[in-house]
Amino acid sequence: NLVTLNADLEPFKIISEIVNSQFTR
């Protein structure tokens, strides 16, 4: 049930995922 992100993704994609997520961490 975790939301995790790949560090090798482009920073813009990572930031978009974080902004659209309901989690702060």
mmCIF file of all heavy atoms, coordinates in Angstrom:
data_MODEL
# 
_entry.id   MODEL 
# 
loop_
_atom_site.group_PDB 
_atom_site.id 
_atom_site.type_symbol 
_atom_site.label_atom_id 
_atom_site.label_alt_id 
_atom_site.label_comp_id 
_atom_site.label_asym_id 
_atom_site.label_entity_id 
_atom_site.label_seq_id 
_atom_site.pdbx_PDB_ins_code 
_atom_site.Cartn_x 
_atom_site.Cartn_y 
_atom_site.Cartn_z 
_atom_site.occupancy 
_atom_site.B_iso_or_equiv 
_atom_site.pdbx_formal_charge 
_atom_site.auth_seq_id 
_atom_site.auth_comp_id 
_atom_site.auth_asym_id 
_atom_site.auth_atom_id 
_atom_site.pdbx_PDB_model_num 
ATOM 1   N N   . ASN A 1 1  ? 0.813  -1.218 0.000   1.00 0.00 ? 1  ASN A N   1 
ATOM 2   C CA  . ASN A 1 1  ? 0.000  0.000  0.000   1.00 0.00 ? 1  ASN A CA  1 
ATOM 3   C C   . ASN A 1 1  ? 0.848  1.270  0.000   1.00 0.00 ? 1  ASN A C   1 
ATOM 4   O O   . ASN A 1 1  ? 0.308  2.367  0.123   1.00 0.00 ? 1  ASN A O   1 
ATOM 5   C CB  . ASN A 1 1  ? -0.934 0.009  1.210   1.00 0.00 ? 1  ASN A CB  1 
ATOM 6   C CG  . ASN A 1 1  ? -1.911 -1.149 1.213   1.00 0.00 ? 1  ASN A CG  1 
ATOM 7   O OD1 . ASN A 1 1  ? -2.426 -1.528 0.166   1.00 0.00 ? 1  ASN A OD1 1 
ATOM 8   N ND2 . ASN A 1 1  ? -2.182 -1.707 2.385   1.00 0.00 ? 1  ASN A ND2 1 
ATOM 9   N N   . LEU A 1 2  ? 2.173  1.107  -0.134  1.00 0.00 ? 2  LEU A N   1 
ATOM 10  C CA  . LEU A 1 2  ? 3.054  2.259  -0.077  1.00 0.00 ? 2  LEU A CA  1 
ATOM 11  C C   . LEU A 1 2  ? 3.082  3.001  -1.409  1.00 0.00 ? 2  LEU A C   1 
ATOM 12  O O   . LEU A 1 2  ? 2.926  2.403  -2.483  1.00 0.00 ? 2  LEU A O   1 
ATOM 13  C CB  . LEU A 1 2  ? 4.484  1.837  0.279   1.00 0.00 ? 2  LEU A CB  1 
ATOM 14  C CG  . LEU A 1 2  ? 4.766  1.408  1.715   1.00 0.00 ? 2  LEU A CG  1 
ATOM 15  C CD1 . LEU A 1 2  ? 6.244  1.079  1.876   1.00 0.00 ? 2  LEU A CD1 1 
ATOM 16  C CD2 . LEU A 1 2  ? 4.347  2.490  2.689   1.00 0.00 ? 2  LEU A CD2 1 
ATOM 17  N N   . VAL A 1 3  ? 3.303  4.289  -1.318  1.00 0.00 ? 3  VAL A N   1 
ATOM 18  C CA  . VAL A 1 3  ? 3.592  5.122  -2.479  1.00 0.00 ? 3  VAL A CA  1 
ATOM 19  C C   . VAL A 1 3  ? 5.078  5.446  -2.435  1.00 0.00 ? 3  VAL A C   1 
ATOM 20  O O   . VAL A 1 3  ? 5.552  6.135  -1.525  1.00 0.00 ? 3  VAL A O   1 
ATOM 21  C CB  . VAL A 1 3  ? 2.758  6.413  -2.467  1.00 0.00 ? 3  VAL A CB  1 
ATOM 22  C CG1 . VAL A 1 3  ? 3.171  7.315  -3.622  1.00 0.00 ? 3  VAL A CG1 1 
ATOM 23  C CG2 . VAL A 1 3  ? 1.268  6.102  -2.544  1.00 0.00 ? 3  VAL A CG2 1 
ATOM 24  N N   . THR A 1 4  ? 5.820  4.923  -3.383  1.00 0.00 ? 4  THR A N   1 
ATOM 25  C CA  . THR A 1 4  ? 7.261  5.158  -3.455  1.00 0.00 ? 4  THR A CA  1 
ATOM 26  C C   . THR A 1 4  ? 7.613  5.695  -4.838  1.00 0.00 ? 4  THR A C   1 
ATOM 27  O O   . THR A 1 4  ? 6.858  5.521  -5.812  1.00 0.00 ? 4  THR A O   1 
ATOM 28  C CB  . THR A 1 4  ? 8.054  3.874  -3.179  1.00 0.00 ? 4  THR A CB  1 
ATOM 29  O OG1 . THR A 1 4  ? 7.699  2.870  -4.149  1.00 0.00 ? 4  THR A OG1 1 
ATOM 30  C CG2 . THR A 1 4  ? 7.752  3.347  -1.788  1.00 0.00 ? 4  THR A CG2 1 
ATOM 31  N N   . LEU A 1 5  ? 8.783  6.322  -4.947  1.00 0.00 ? 5  LEU A N   1 
ATOM 32  C CA  . LEU A 1 5  ? 9.210  6.928  -6.205  1.00 0.00 ? 5  LEU A CA  1 
ATOM 33  C C   . LEU A 1 5  ? 10.633 6.493  -6.536  1.00 0.00 ? 5  LEU A C   1 
ATOM 34  O O   . LEU A 1 5  ? 11.472 6.321  -5.653  1.00 0.00 ? 5  LEU A O   1 
ATOM 35  C CB  . LEU A 1 5  ? 9.146  8.453  -6.115  1.00 0.00 ? 5  LEU A CB  1 
ATOM 36  C CG  . LEU A 1 5  ? 7.742  9.057  -5.936  1.00 0.00 ? 5  LEU A CG  1 
ATOM 37  C CD1 . LEU A 1 5  ? 7.841  10.552 -5.702  1.00 0.00 ? 5  LEU A CD1 1 
ATOM 38  C CD2 . LEU A 1 5  ? 6.862  8.766  -7.133  1.00 0.00 ? 5  LEU A CD2 1 
ATOM 39  N N   . ASN A 1 6  ? 10.871 6.339  -7.830  1.00 0.00 ? 6  ASN A N   1 
ATOM 40  C CA  . ASN A 1 6  ? 12.189 5.971  -8.326  1.00 0.00 ? 6  ASN A CA  1 
ATOM 41  C C   . ASN A 1 6  ? 13.071 7.214  -8.374  1.00 0.00 ? 6  ASN A C   1 
ATOM 42  O O   . ASN A 1 6  ? 12.704 8.224  -8.984  1.00 0.00 ? 6  ASN A O   1 
ATOM 43  C CB  . ASN A 1 6  ? 12.079 5.336  -9.709  1.00 0.00 ? 6  ASN A CB  1 
ATOM 44  C CG  . ASN A 1 6  ? 13.388 4.751  -10.187 1.00 0.00 ? 6  ASN A CG  1 
ATOM 45  O OD1 . ASN A 1 6  ? 14.448 4.955  -9.602  1.00 0.00 ? 6  ASN A OD1 1 
ATOM 46  N ND2 . ASN A 1 6  ? 13.328 3.999  -11.281 1.00 0.00 ? 6  ASN A ND2 1 
ATOM 47  N N   . ALA A 1 7  ? 14.236 7.124  -7.733  1.00 0.00 ? 7  ALA A N   1 
ATOM 48  C CA  . ALA A 1 7  ? 15.140 8.271  -7.705  1.00 0.00 ? 7  ALA A CA  1 
ATOM 49  C C   . ALA A 1 7  ? 15.685 8.628  -9.080  1.00 0.00 ? 7  ALA A C   1 
ATOM 50  O O   . ALA A 1 7  ? 16.149 9.758  -9.288  1.00 0.00 ? 7  ALA A O   1 
ATOM 51  C CB  . ALA A 1 7  ? 16.299 7.988  -6.737  1.00 0.00 ? 7  ALA A CB  1 
ATOM 52  N N   . ASP A 1 8  ? 15.649 7.701  -10.029 1.00 0.00 ? 8  ASP A N   1 
ATOM 53  C CA  . ASP A 1 8  ? 16.199 7.955  -11.364 1.00 0.00 ? 8  ASP A CA  1 
ATOM 54  C C   . ASP A 1 8  ? 15.209 8.648  -12.289 1.00 0.00 ? 8  ASP A C   1 
ATOM 55  O O   . ASP A 1 8  ? 15.570 8.977  -13.433 1.00 0.00 ? 8  ASP A O   1 
ATOM 56  C CB  . ASP A 1 8  ? 16.654 6.633  -11.984 1.00 0.00 ? 8  ASP A CB  1 
ATOM 57  C CG  . ASP A 1 8  ? 17.818 6.013  -11.221 1.00 0.00 ? 8  ASP A CG  1 
ATOM 58  O OD1 . ASP A 1 8  ? 18.629 6.781  -10.649 1.00 0.00 ? 8  ASP A OD1 1 
ATOM 59  O OD2 . ASP A 1 8  ? 17.915 4.765  -11.170 1.00 0.00 ? 8  ASP A OD2 1 
ATOM 60  N N   . LEU A 1 9  ? 13.978 8.854  -11.845 1.00 0.00 ? 9  LEU A N   1 
ATOM 61  C CA  . LEU A 1 9  ? 13.034 9.602  -12.648 1.00 0.00 ? 9  LEU A CA  1 
ATOM 62  C C   . LEU A 1 9  ? 13.480 11.059 -12.756 1.00 0.00 ? 9  LEU A C   1 
ATOM 63  O O   . LEU A 1 9  ? 14.259 11.552 -11.931 1.00 0.00 ? 9  LEU A O   1 
ATOM 64  C CB  . LEU A 1 9  ? 11.631 9.532  -12.044 1.00 0.00 ? 9  LEU A CB  1 
ATOM 65  C CG  . LEU A 1 9  ? 10.903 8.189  -12.066 1.00 0.00 ? 9  LEU A CG  1 
ATOM 66  C CD1 . LEU A 1 9  ? 9.577  8.308  -11.315 1.00 0.00 ? 9  LEU A CD1 1 
ATOM 67  C CD2 . LEU A 1 9  ? 10.662 7.718  -13.493 1.00 0.00 ? 9  LEU A CD2 1 
ATOM 68  N N   . GLU A 1 10 ? 12.978 11.718 -13.766 1.00 0.00 ? 10 GLU A N   1 
ATOM 69  C CA  . GLU A 1 10 ? 13.280 13.138 -13.907 1.00 0.00 ? 10 GLU A CA  1 
ATOM 70  C C   . GLU A 1 10 ? 12.689 13.903 -12.716 1.00 0.00 ? 10 GLU A C   1 
ATOM 71  O O   . GLU A 1 10 ? 11.580 13.599 -12.260 1.00 0.00 ? 10 GLU A O   1 
ATOM 72  C CB  . GLU A 1 10 ? 12.706 13.678 -15.212 1.00 0.00 ? 10 GLU A CB  1 
ATOM 73  C CG  . GLU A 1 10 ? 13.341 13.078 -16.459 1.00 0.00 ? 10 GLU A CG  1 
ATOM 74  C CD  . GLU A 1 10 ? 12.767 13.675 -17.725 1.00 0.00 ? 10 GLU A CD  1 
ATOM 75  O OE1 . GLU A 1 10 ? 11.935 14.607 -17.606 1.00 0.00 ? 10 GLU A OE1 1 
ATOM 76  O OE2 . GLU A 1 10 ? 13.154 13.231 -18.821 1.00 0.00 ? 10 GLU A OE2 1 
ATOM 77  N N   . PRO A 1 11 ? 13.439 14.880 -12.208 1.00 0.00 ? 11 PRO A N   1 
ATOM 78  C CA  . PRO A 1 11 ? 12.943 15.643 -11.052 1.00 0.00 ? 11 PRO A CA  1 
ATOM 79  C C   . PRO A 1 11 ? 11.545 16.208 -11.247 1.00 0.00 ? 11 PRO A C   1 
ATOM 80  O O   . PRO A 1 11 ? 10.747 16.245 -10.316 1.00 0.00 ? 11 PRO A O   1 
ATOM 81  C CB  . PRO A 1 11 ? 13.986 16.749 -10.898 1.00 0.00 ? 11 PRO A CB  1 
ATOM 82  C CG  . PRO A 1 11 ? 15.234 16.160 -11.461 1.00 0.00 ? 11 PRO A CG  1 
ATOM 83  C CD  . PRO A 1 11 ? 14.797 15.293 -12.596 1.00 0.00 ? 11 PRO A CD  1 
ATOM 84  N N   . PHE A 1 12 ? 11.240 16.633 -12.495 1.00 0.00 ? 12 PHE A N   1 
ATOM 85  C CA  . PHE A 1 12 ? 9.919  17.201 -12.743 1.00 0.00 ? 12 PHE A CA  1 
ATOM 86  C C   . PHE A 1 12 ? 8.823  16.164 -12.510 1.00 0.00 ? 12 PHE A C   1 
ATOM 87  O O   . PHE A 1 12 ? 7.779  16.468 -11.924 1.00 0.00 ? 12 PHE A O   1 
ATOM 88  C CB  . PHE A 1 12 ? 9.851  17.744 -14.175 1.00 0.00 ? 12 PHE A CB  1 
ATOM 89  C CG  . PHE A 1 12 ? 8.495  18.269 -14.555 1.00 0.00 ? 12 PHE A CG  1 
ATOM 90  C CD1 . PHE A 1 12 ? 8.077  19.527 -14.115 1.00 0.00 ? 12 PHE A CD1 1 
ATOM 91  C CD2 . PHE A 1 12 ? 7.619  17.503 -15.323 1.00 0.00 ? 12 PHE A CD2 1 
ATOM 92  C CE1 . PHE A 1 12 ? 6.820  20.009 -14.449 1.00 0.00 ? 12 PHE A CE1 1 
ATOM 93  C CE2 . PHE A 1 12 ? 6.366  17.995 -15.649 1.00 0.00 ? 12 PHE A CE2 1 
ATOM 94  C CZ  . PHE A 1 12 ? 5.963  19.244 -15.217 1.00 0.00 ? 12 PHE A CZ  1 
ATOM 95  N N   . LYS A 1 13 ? 9.046  14.916 -12.948 1.00 0.00 ? 13 LYS A N   1 
ATOM 96  C CA  . LYS A 1 13 ? 8.060  13.865 -12.752 1.00 0.00 ? 13 LYS A CA  1 
ATOM 97  C C   . LYS A 1 13 ? 7.908  13.523 -11.263 1.00 0.00 ? 13 LYS A C   1 
ATOM 98  O O   . LYS A 1 13 ? 6.798  13.283 -10.781 1.00 0.00 ? 13 LYS A O   1 
ATOM 99  C CB  . LYS A 1 13 ? 8.450  12.631 -13.554 1.00 0.00 ? 13 LYS A CB  1 
ATOM 100 C CG  . LYS A 1 13 ? 8.341  12.810 -15.062 1.00 0.00 ? 13 LYS A CG  1 
ATOM 101 C CD  . LYS A 1 13 ? 8.663  11.508 -15.780 1.00 0.00 ? 13 LYS A CD  1 
ATOM 102 C CE  . LYS A 1 13 ? 8.506  11.693 -17.296 1.00 0.00 ? 13 LYS A CE  1 
ATOM 103 N NZ  . LYS A 1 13 ? 8.810  10.433 -18.043 1.00 0.00 ? 13 LYS A NZ  1 
ATOM 104 N N   . ILE A 1 14 ? 9.036  13.499 -10.573 1.00 0.00 ? 14 ILE A N   1 
ATOM 105 C CA  . ILE A 1 14 ? 8.983  13.211 -9.143  1.00 0.00 ? 14 ILE A CA  1 
ATOM 106 C C   . ILE A 1 14 ? 8.197  14.283 -8.409  1.00 0.00 ? 14 ILE A C   1 
ATOM 107 O O   . ILE A 1 14 ? 7.346  13.999 -7.563  1.00 0.00 ? 14 ILE A O   1 
ATOM 108 C CB  . ILE A 1 14 ? 10.412 13.089 -8.572  1.00 0.00 ? 14 ILE A CB  1 
ATOM 109 C CG1 . ILE A 1 14 ? 11.111 11.868 -9.160  1.00 0.00 ? 14 ILE A CG1 1 
ATOM 110 C CG2 . ILE A 1 14 ? 10.376 13.002 -7.044  1.00 0.00 ? 14 ILE A CG2 1 
ATOM 111 C CD1 . ILE A 1 14 ? 12.540 11.692 -8.689  1.00 0.00 ? 14 ILE A CD1 1 
ATOM 112 N N   . ILE A 1 15 ? 8.468  15.530 -8.752  1.00 0.00 ? 15 ILE A N   1 
ATOM 113 C CA  . ILE A 1 15 ? 7.769  16.638 -8.106  1.00 0.00 ? 15 ILE A CA  1 
ATOM 114 C C   . ILE A 1 15 ? 6.276  16.588 -8.406  1.00 0.00 ? 15 ILE A C   1 
ATOM 115 O O   . ILE A 1 15 ? 5.434  16.824 -7.537  1.00 0.00 ? 15 ILE A O   1 
ATOM 116 C CB  . ILE A 1 15 ? 8.378  17.978 -8.553  1.00 0.00 ? 15 ILE A CB  1 
ATOM 117 C CG1 . ILE A 1 15 ? 9.814  18.099 -8.030  1.00 0.00 ? 15 ILE A CG1 1 
ATOM 118 C CG2 . ILE A 1 15 ? 7.537  19.144 -8.052  1.00 0.00 ? 15 ILE A CG2 1 
ATOM 119 C CD1 . ILE A 1 15 ? 10.570 19.272 -8.585  1.00 0.00 ? 15 ILE A CD1 1 
ATOM 120 N N   . SER A 1 16 ? 5.922  16.231 -9.639  1.00 0.00 ? 16 SER A N   1 
ATOM 121 C CA  . SER A 1 16 ? 4.505  16.119 -10.009 1.00 0.00 ? 16 SER A CA  1 
ATOM 122 C C   . SER A 1 16 ? 3.817  15.035 -9.186  1.00 0.00 ? 16 SER A C   1 
ATOM 123 O O   . SER A 1 16 ? 2.678  15.217 -8.725  1.00 0.00 ? 16 SER A O   1 
ATOM 124 C CB  . SER A 1 16 ? 4.371  15.818 -11.504 1.00 0.00 ? 16 SER A CB  1 
ATOM 125 O OG  . SER A 1 16 ? 4.871  16.855 -12.274 1.00 0.00 ? 16 SER A OG  1 
ATOM 126 N N   . GLU A 1 17 ? 4.504  13.898 -8.992  1.00 0.00 ? 17 GLU A N   1 
ATOM 127 C CA  . GLU A 1 17 ? 3.941  12.815 -8.195  1.00 0.00 ? 17 GLU A CA  1 
ATOM 128 C C   . GLU A 1 17 ? 3.743  13.249 -6.748  1.00 0.00 ? 17 GLU A C   1 
ATOM 129 O O   . GLU A 1 17 ? 2.727  12.923 -6.115  1.00 0.00 ? 17 GLU A O   1 
ATOM 130 C CB  . GLU A 1 17 ? 4.854  11.591 -8.254  1.00 0.00 ? 17 GLU A CB  1 
ATOM 131 C CG  . GLU A 1 17 ? 4.914  10.906 -9.603  1.00 0.00 ? 17 GLU A CG  1 
ATOM 132 C CD  . GLU A 1 17 ? 3.628  10.174 -9.932  1.00 0.00 ? 17 GLU A CD  1 
ATOM 133 O OE1 . GLU A 1 17 ? 2.865  9.844  -9.006  1.00 0.00 ? 17 GLU A OE1 1 
ATOM 134 O OE2 . GLU A 1 17 ? 3.376  9.923  -11.133 1.00 0.00 ? 17 GLU A OE2 1 
ATOM 135 N N   . ILE A 1 18 ? 4.695  13.985 -6.213  1.00 0.00 ? 18 ILE A N   1 
ATOM 136 C CA  . ILE A 1 18 ? 4.597  14.441 -4.829  1.00 0.00 ? 18 ILE A CA  1 
ATOM 137 C C   . ILE A 1 18 ? 3.452  15.425 -4.660  1.00 0.00 ? 18 ILE A C   1 
ATOM 138 O O   . ILE A 1 18 ? 2.681  15.359 -3.695  1.00 0.00 ? 18 ILE A O   1 
ATOM 139 C CB  . ILE A 1 18 ? 5.932  15.074 -4.382  1.00 0.00 ? 18 ILE A CB  1 
ATOM 140 C CG1 . ILE A 1 18 ? 7.041  14.015 -4.380  1.00 0.00 ? 18 ILE A CG1 1 
ATOM 141 C CG2 . ILE A 1 18 ? 5.798  15.717 -3.008  1.00 0.00 ? 18 ILE A CG2 1 
ATOM 142 C CD1 . ILE A 1 18 ? 8.416  14.576 -4.139  1.00 0.00 ? 18 ILE A CD1 1 
ATOM 143 N N   . VAL A 1 19 ? 3.315  16.344 -5.610  1.00 0.00 ? 19 VAL A N   1 
ATOM 144 C CA  . VAL A 1 19 ? 2.253  17.349 -5.530  1.00 0.00 ? 19 VAL A CA  1 
ATOM 145 C C   . VAL A 1 19 ? 0.874  16.704 -5.603  1.00 0.00 ? 19 VAL A C   1 
ATOM 146 O O   . VAL A 1 19 ? -0.071 17.107 -4.915  1.00 0.00 ? 19 VAL A O   1 
ATOM 147 C CB  . VAL A 1 19 ? 2.430  18.400 -6.647  1.00 0.00 ? 19 VAL A CB  1 
ATOM 148 C CG1 . VAL A 1 19 ? 1.221  19.327 -6.707  1.00 0.00 ? 19 VAL A CG1 1 
ATOM 149 C CG2 . VAL A 1 19 ? 3.705  19.204 -6.428  1.00 0.00 ? 19 VAL A CG2 1 
ATOM 150 N N   . ASN A 1 20 ? 0.742  15.664 -6.416  1.00 0.00 ? 20 ASN A N   1 
ATOM 151 C CA  . ASN A 1 20 ? -0.549 15.006 -6.600  1.00 0.00 ? 20 ASN A CA  1 
ATOM 152 C C   . ASN A 1 20 ? -0.836 13.946 -5.543  1.00 0.00 ? 20 ASN A C   1 
ATOM 153 O O   . ASN A 1 20 ? -1.928 13.368 -5.518  1.00 0.00 ? 20 ASN A O   1 
ATOM 154 C CB  . ASN A 1 20 ? -0.611 14.368 -7.991  1.00 0.00 ? 20 ASN A CB  1 
ATOM 155 C CG  . ASN A 1 20 ? -0.592 15.404 -9.108  1.00 0.00 ? 20 ASN A CG  1 
ATOM 156 O OD1 . ASN A 1 20 ? -1.177 16.482 -8.976  1.00 0.00 ? 20 ASN A OD1 1 
ATOM 157 N ND2 . ASN A 1 20 ? 0.084  15.092 -10.215 1.00 0.00 ? 20 ASN A ND2 1 
ATOM 158 N N   . SER A 1 21 ? 0.115  13.667 -4.675  1.00 0.00 ? 21 SER A N   1 
ATOM 159 C CA  . SER A 1 21 ? -0.065 12.651 -3.633  1.00 0.00 ? 21 SER A CA  1 
ATOM 160 C C   . SER A 1 21 ? -0.698 13.281 -2.396  1.00 0.00 ? 21 SER A C   1 
ATOM 161 O O   . SER A 1 21 ? -0.534 14.475 -2.126  1.00 0.00 ? 21 SER A O   1 
ATOM 162 C CB  . SER A 1 21 ? 1.279  12.026 -3.281  1.00 0.00 ? 21 SER A CB  1 
ATOM 163 O OG  . SER A 1 21 ? 1.149  11.145 -2.177  1.00 0.00 ? 21 SER A OG  1 
ATOM 164 N N   . GLN A 1 22 ? -1.436 12.435 -1.634  1.00 0.00 ? 22 GLN A N   1 
ATOM 165 C CA  . GLN A 1 22 ? -2.026 12.914 -0.380  1.00 0.00 ? 22 GLN A CA  1 
ATOM 166 C C   . GLN A 1 22 ? -1.051 12.808 0.786   1.00 0.00 ? 22 GLN A C   1 
ATOM 167 O O   . GLN A 1 22 ? -1.378 13.212 1.906   1.00 0.00 ? 22 GLN A O   1 
ATOM 168 C CB  . GLN A 1 22 ? -3.307 12.152 -0.042  1.00 0.00 ? 22 GLN A CB  1 
ATOM 169 C CG  . GLN A 1 22 ? -3.107 10.736 0.504   1.00 0.00 ? 22 GLN A CG  1 
ATOM 170 C CD  . GLN A 1 22 ? -3.027 9.717  -0.583  1.00 0.00 ? 22 GLN A CD  1 
ATOM 171 O OE1 . GLN A 1 22 ? -2.771 10.028 -1.748  1.00 0.00 ? 22 GLN A OE1 1 
ATOM 172 N NE2 . GLN A 1 22 ? -3.212 8.460  -0.224  1.00 0.00 ? 22 GLN A NE2 1 
ATOM 173 N N   . PHE A 1 23 ? 0.171  12.271 0.530   1.00 0.00 ? 23 PHE A N   1 
ATOM 174 C CA  . PHE A 1 23 ? 1.157  12.072 1.576   1.00 0.00 ? 23 PHE A CA  1 
ATOM 175 C C   . PHE A 1 23 ? 2.173  13.205 1.573   1.00 0.00 ? 23 PHE A C   1 
ATOM 176 O O   . PHE A 1 23 ? 2.540  13.727 0.521   1.00 0.00 ? 23 PHE A O   1 
ATOM 177 C CB  . PHE A 1 23 ? 1.868  10.730 1.401   1.00 0.00 ? 23 PHE A CB  1 
ATOM 178 C CG  . PHE A 1 23 ? 0.944  9.553  1.394   1.00 0.00 ? 23 PHE A CG  1 
ATOM 179 C CD1 . PHE A 1 23 ? 0.709  8.835  0.227   1.00 0.00 ? 23 PHE A CD1 1 
ATOM 180 C CD2 . PHE A 1 23 ? 0.279  9.162  2.540   1.00 0.00 ? 23 PHE A CD2 1 
ATOM 181 C CE1 . PHE A 1 23 ? -0.151 7.747  0.208   1.00 0.00 ? 23 PHE A CE1 1 
ATOM 182 C CE2 . PHE A 1 23 ? -0.593 8.083  2.534   1.00 0.00 ? 23 PHE A CE2 1 
ATOM 183 C CZ  . PHE A 1 23 ? -0.804 7.375  1.363   1.00 0.00 ? 23 PHE A CZ  1 
ATOM 184 N N   . THR A 1 24 ? 2.652  13.552 2.749   1.00 0.00 ? 24 THR A N   1 
ATOM 185 C CA  . THR A 1 24 ? 3.666  14.600 2.871   1.00 0.00 ? 24 THR A CA  1 
ATOM 186 C C   . THR A 1 24 ? 5.082  14.043 2.816   1.00 0.00 ? 24 THR A C   1 
ATOM 187 O O   . THR A 1 24 ? 6.015  14.767 2.496   1.00 0.00 ? 24 THR A O   1 
ATOM 188 C CB  . THR A 1 24 ? 3.488  15.384 4.180   1.00 0.00 ? 24 THR A CB  1 
ATOM 189 O OG1 . THR A 1 24 ? 3.558  14.480 5.294   1.00 0.00 ? 24 THR A OG1 1 
ATOM 190 C CG2 . THR A 1 24 ? 2.137  16.092 4.202   1.00 0.00 ? 24 THR A CG2 1 
ATOM 191 N N   . ARG A 1 25 ? 5.246  12.758 3.147   1.00 0.00 ? 25 ARG A N   1 
ATOM 192 C CA  . ARG A 1 25 ? 6.556  12.106 3.110   1.00 0.00 ? 25 ARG A CA  1 
ATOM 193 C C   . ARG A 1 25 ? 6.465  10.869 2.223   1.00 0.00 ? 25 ARG A C   1 
ATOM 194 O O   . ARG A 1 25 ? 5.573  10.036 2.395   1.00 0.00 ? 25 ARG A O   1 
ATOM 195 C CB  . ARG A 1 25 ? 7.027  11.699 4.516   1.00 0.00 ? 25 ARG A CB  1 
ATOM 196 C CG  . ARG A 1 25 ? 7.252  12.881 5.459   1.00 0.00 ? 25 ARG A CG  1 
ATOM 197 C CD  . ARG A 1 25 ? 7.602  12.368 6.859   1.00 0.00 ? 25 ARG A CD  1 
ATOM 198 N NE  . ARG A 1 25 ? 7.888  13.460 7.788   1.00 0.00 ? 25 ARG A NE  1 
ATOM 199 C CZ  . ARG A 1 25 ? 6.969  14.108 8.464   1.00 0.00 ? 25 ARG A CZ  1 
ATOM 200 N NH1 . ARG A 1 25 ? 5.685  13.759 8.320   1.00 0.00 ? 25 ARG A NH1 1 
ATOM 201 N NH2 . ARG A 1 25 ? 7.298  15.093 9.281   1.00 0.00 ? 25 ARG A NH2 1 
# 
